[in-house]
N, C-alpha and C. Protein backbone atom coordinates (compact mmCIF):
# COMPACT_ATOMS: atom_id res chain seq x y z
N UNK A 1 62.48 -183.77 195.07
CA UNK A 1 62.19 -182.07 194.86
C UNK A 1 61.58 -181.70 193.44
N UNK A 2 61.03 -180.36 193.86
CA UNK A 2 60.01 -179.68 193.40
C UNK A 2 60.58 -179.66 192.11
N UNK A 3 59.88 -179.49 190.91
CA UNK A 3 60.57 -178.98 189.65
C UNK A 3 60.88 -177.22 189.69
N UNK A 4 60.08 -176.49 190.22
CA UNK A 4 60.59 -174.98 190.15
C UNK A 4 61.42 -174.85 190.95
N UNK A 5 62.23 -175.75 192.26
CA UNK A 5 62.98 -175.48 192.97
C UNK A 5 64.39 -175.98 191.99
N UNK A 6 65.59 -176.01 192.39
CA UNK A 6 66.88 -176.40 191.90
C UNK A 6 67.66 -176.61 192.91
N UNK A 7 69.18 -177.12 192.67
CA UNK A 7 69.87 -177.57 193.77
C UNK A 7 70.81 -176.17 194.83
N UNK A 8 69.84 -175.22 194.43
CA UNK A 8 70.36 -173.80 195.72
C UNK A 8 69.23 -173.77 196.73
N UNK A 9 67.78 -174.75 196.51
CA UNK A 9 67.18 -175.14 198.02
C UNK A 9 67.21 -176.38 198.53
N UNK A 10 67.52 -176.57 199.87
CA UNK A 10 67.07 -177.70 200.36
C UNK A 10 65.67 -177.51 201.01
N UNK A 11 64.94 -179.04 200.64
CA UNK A 11 63.63 -179.45 201.39
C UNK A 11 63.78 -179.90 203.24
N UNK A 12 63.39 -178.96 203.87
CA UNK A 12 63.76 -179.00 205.49
C UNK A 12 62.47 -179.32 205.86
N UNK A 13 62.10 -179.85 206.75
CA UNK A 13 61.03 -179.94 208.31
C UNK A 13 61.03 -179.00 208.84
N UNK A 14 60.06 -178.84 209.21
CA UNK A 14 59.87 -176.99 210.31
C UNK A 14 58.63 -177.22 211.62
N UNK A 15 58.66 -177.21 212.18
CA UNK A 15 58.11 -176.88 213.32
C UNK A 15 57.63 -175.57 213.71
N UNK A 16 56.28 -175.68 213.40
CA UNK A 16 55.65 -173.99 213.49
C UNK A 16 55.78 -173.81 214.38
N UNK A 17 55.06 -172.64 214.41
CA UNK A 17 54.90 -171.73 215.80
C UNK A 17 53.76 -172.13 216.97
N UNK A 18 52.25 -172.90 216.10
CA UNK A 18 51.40 -173.63 216.56
C UNK A 18 51.63 -175.03 216.99
N UNK A 19 52.89 -175.72 216.74
CA UNK A 19 53.15 -176.83 216.84
C UNK A 19 52.75 -178.09 215.75
N UNK A 20 52.18 -177.64 214.75
CA UNK A 20 52.16 -178.33 213.26
C UNK A 20 53.92 -178.16 213.01
N UNK A 21 53.50 -179.39 212.41
CA UNK A 21 54.94 -179.84 211.37
C UNK A 21 54.47 -179.02 209.94
N UNK A 22 55.59 -178.43 209.09
CA UNK A 22 55.95 -178.11 208.28
C UNK A 22 57.00 -178.10 206.77
N UNK A 23 56.82 -178.14 205.86
CA UNK A 23 57.74 -178.09 204.91
C UNK A 23 58.49 -176.82 204.36
N UNK A 24 59.57 -176.45 204.11
CA UNK A 24 59.93 -175.56 203.41
C UNK A 24 61.23 -175.40 202.98
N UNK A 25 61.05 -174.73 201.36
CA UNK A 25 62.82 -174.78 200.48
C UNK A 25 63.65 -173.64 201.47
N UNK A 26 64.62 -173.82 201.66
CA UNK A 26 65.46 -173.30 201.65
C UNK A 26 66.92 -172.94 201.59
N UNK A 27 67.11 -171.37 201.26
CA UNK A 27 68.28 -171.02 200.25
C UNK A 27 69.37 -171.62 201.13
N UNK A 28 70.07 -172.44 200.24
CA UNK A 28 71.26 -172.95 200.74
C UNK A 28 72.68 -172.19 201.03
N UNK A 29 72.51 -171.53 200.11
CA UNK A 29 74.18 -170.20 199.99
C UNK A 29 74.02 -169.42 201.10
N UNK A 30 74.00 -169.50 201.95
CA UNK A 30 74.36 -168.05 203.22
C UNK A 30 74.65 -167.19 202.52
N UNK A 31 75.51 -167.16 202.12
CA UNK A 31 76.28 -165.52 201.88
C UNK A 31 75.65 -164.90 201.02
N UNK A 32 74.97 -165.41 200.07
CA UNK A 32 73.57 -164.73 199.18
C UNK A 32 72.11 -164.48 199.52
N UNK A 33 71.93 -164.94 201.16
CA UNK A 33 71.22 -165.31 201.30
C UNK A 33 70.91 -163.31 201.94
N UNK A 34 69.69 -162.63 202.39
CA UNK A 34 69.29 -161.24 202.65
C UNK A 34 70.14 -161.07 204.01
N UNK A 35 70.55 -160.79 204.85
CA UNK A 35 70.87 -160.33 206.02
C UNK A 35 69.38 -159.86 206.82
N UNK A 36 68.65 -159.30 206.26
CA UNK A 36 67.35 -158.93 206.90
C UNK A 36 66.00 -159.91 206.94
N UNK A 37 65.52 -159.42 207.56
CA UNK A 37 64.27 -160.69 208.08
C UNK A 37 63.44 -160.08 206.82
N UNK A 38 62.43 -161.47 206.17
CA UNK A 38 61.45 -161.12 205.59
C UNK A 38 60.83 -160.23 205.78
N UNK A 39 59.65 -159.23 205.54
CA UNK A 39 59.25 -158.28 205.81
C UNK A 39 58.07 -158.40 204.63
N UNK A 40 56.54 -159.11 204.54
CA UNK A 40 55.90 -159.35 203.57
C UNK A 40 55.28 -157.81 202.97
N UNK A 41 54.80 -156.81 203.70
CA UNK A 41 54.59 -155.69 202.90
C UNK A 41 55.73 -155.42 202.47
N UNK A 42 56.79 -155.60 202.25
CA UNK A 42 57.93 -154.88 201.67
C UNK A 42 57.92 -155.84 200.42
N UNK A 43 57.90 -156.87 200.32
CA UNK A 43 57.87 -158.44 199.18
C UNK A 43 56.22 -157.46 198.49
N UNK A 44 55.26 -157.70 199.17
CA UNK A 44 54.05 -157.12 198.11
C UNK A 44 54.76 -155.96 197.50
N UNK A 45 54.96 -154.99 197.95
CA UNK A 45 54.85 -153.91 197.72
C UNK A 45 56.24 -153.70 196.28
N UNK A 46 57.14 -154.53 196.81
CA UNK A 46 58.29 -154.43 195.51
C UNK A 46 58.48 -155.77 194.57
N UNK A 47 57.82 -156.89 195.06
CA UNK A 47 57.90 -158.16 194.17
C UNK A 47 56.96 -159.06 193.64
N UNK A 48 56.01 -159.00 194.36
CA UNK A 48 54.89 -160.13 194.32
C UNK A 48 54.14 -159.82 193.20
N UNK A 49 53.92 -159.04 192.64
CA UNK A 49 53.49 -158.73 191.32
C UNK A 49 54.42 -159.64 190.13
N UNK A 50 55.66 -159.30 190.36
CA UNK A 50 56.49 -159.91 189.82
C UNK A 50 56.48 -161.58 189.87
N UNK A 51 56.74 -162.12 191.09
CA UNK A 51 56.75 -162.74 192.05
C UNK A 51 54.99 -163.97 190.93
N UNK A 52 54.38 -163.47 191.39
CA UNK A 52 52.74 -164.02 190.51
C UNK A 52 53.22 -164.56 189.09
N UNK A 53 53.80 -163.39 188.42
CA UNK A 53 53.76 -164.00 187.02
C UNK A 53 55.23 -165.04 186.75
N UNK A 54 55.99 -164.55 187.35
CA UNK A 54 56.87 -166.23 187.39
C UNK A 54 56.14 -167.19 187.39
N UNK A 55 55.59 -167.25 188.61
CA UNK A 55 54.53 -168.64 189.11
C UNK A 55 53.59 -168.82 187.78
N UNK A 56 52.94 -167.91 187.07
CA UNK A 56 52.13 -168.07 186.21
C UNK A 56 52.52 -168.94 184.71
N UNK A 57 53.95 -168.22 184.69
CA UNK A 57 54.92 -168.62 183.28
C UNK A 57 54.99 -170.14 183.65
N UNK A 58 55.19 -170.32 185.29
CA UNK A 58 56.26 -171.57 185.05
C UNK A 58 54.76 -172.82 185.22
N UNK A 59 54.10 -172.54 185.71
CA UNK A 59 52.58 -173.19 185.26
C UNK A 59 51.89 -173.57 184.54
N UNK A 60 52.16 -172.63 183.53
CA UNK A 60 51.88 -172.94 182.11
C UNK A 60 52.77 -173.95 181.37
N UNK A 61 54.09 -173.37 181.16
CA UNK A 61 55.12 -174.21 180.56
C UNK A 61 55.02 -175.74 181.64
N UNK A 62 54.47 -175.71 182.57
CA UNK A 62 54.68 -177.03 183.38
C UNK A 62 53.65 -177.90 183.06
N UNK A 63 52.44 -176.88 182.24
CA UNK A 63 50.99 -177.61 181.88
C UNK A 63 51.21 -177.98 181.05
N UNK A 64 52.03 -177.16 179.60
CA UNK A 64 52.25 -177.43 178.52
C UNK A 64 53.38 -178.90 178.16
N UNK A 65 54.06 -179.21 179.07
CA UNK A 65 54.85 -180.45 179.03
C UNK A 65 53.85 -181.49 179.42
N UNK A 66 52.88 -181.65 179.93
CA UNK A 66 52.24 -182.94 180.52
C UNK A 66 51.88 -183.51 179.44
């Protein structure tokens, strides 16, 4: 399991629409998952800048521990 993910996620193997294989961390608690499909435009408008900042903060902390 990657450092950024925790027990709330499960790494699963996927078959992509182009036939290739991939992996994704899947939220395991269906009761807490959104009933709506993920919308990239809405995510960009409402969450992207915060998400990017969280990723940068995590990366800095990760690199500081090395």
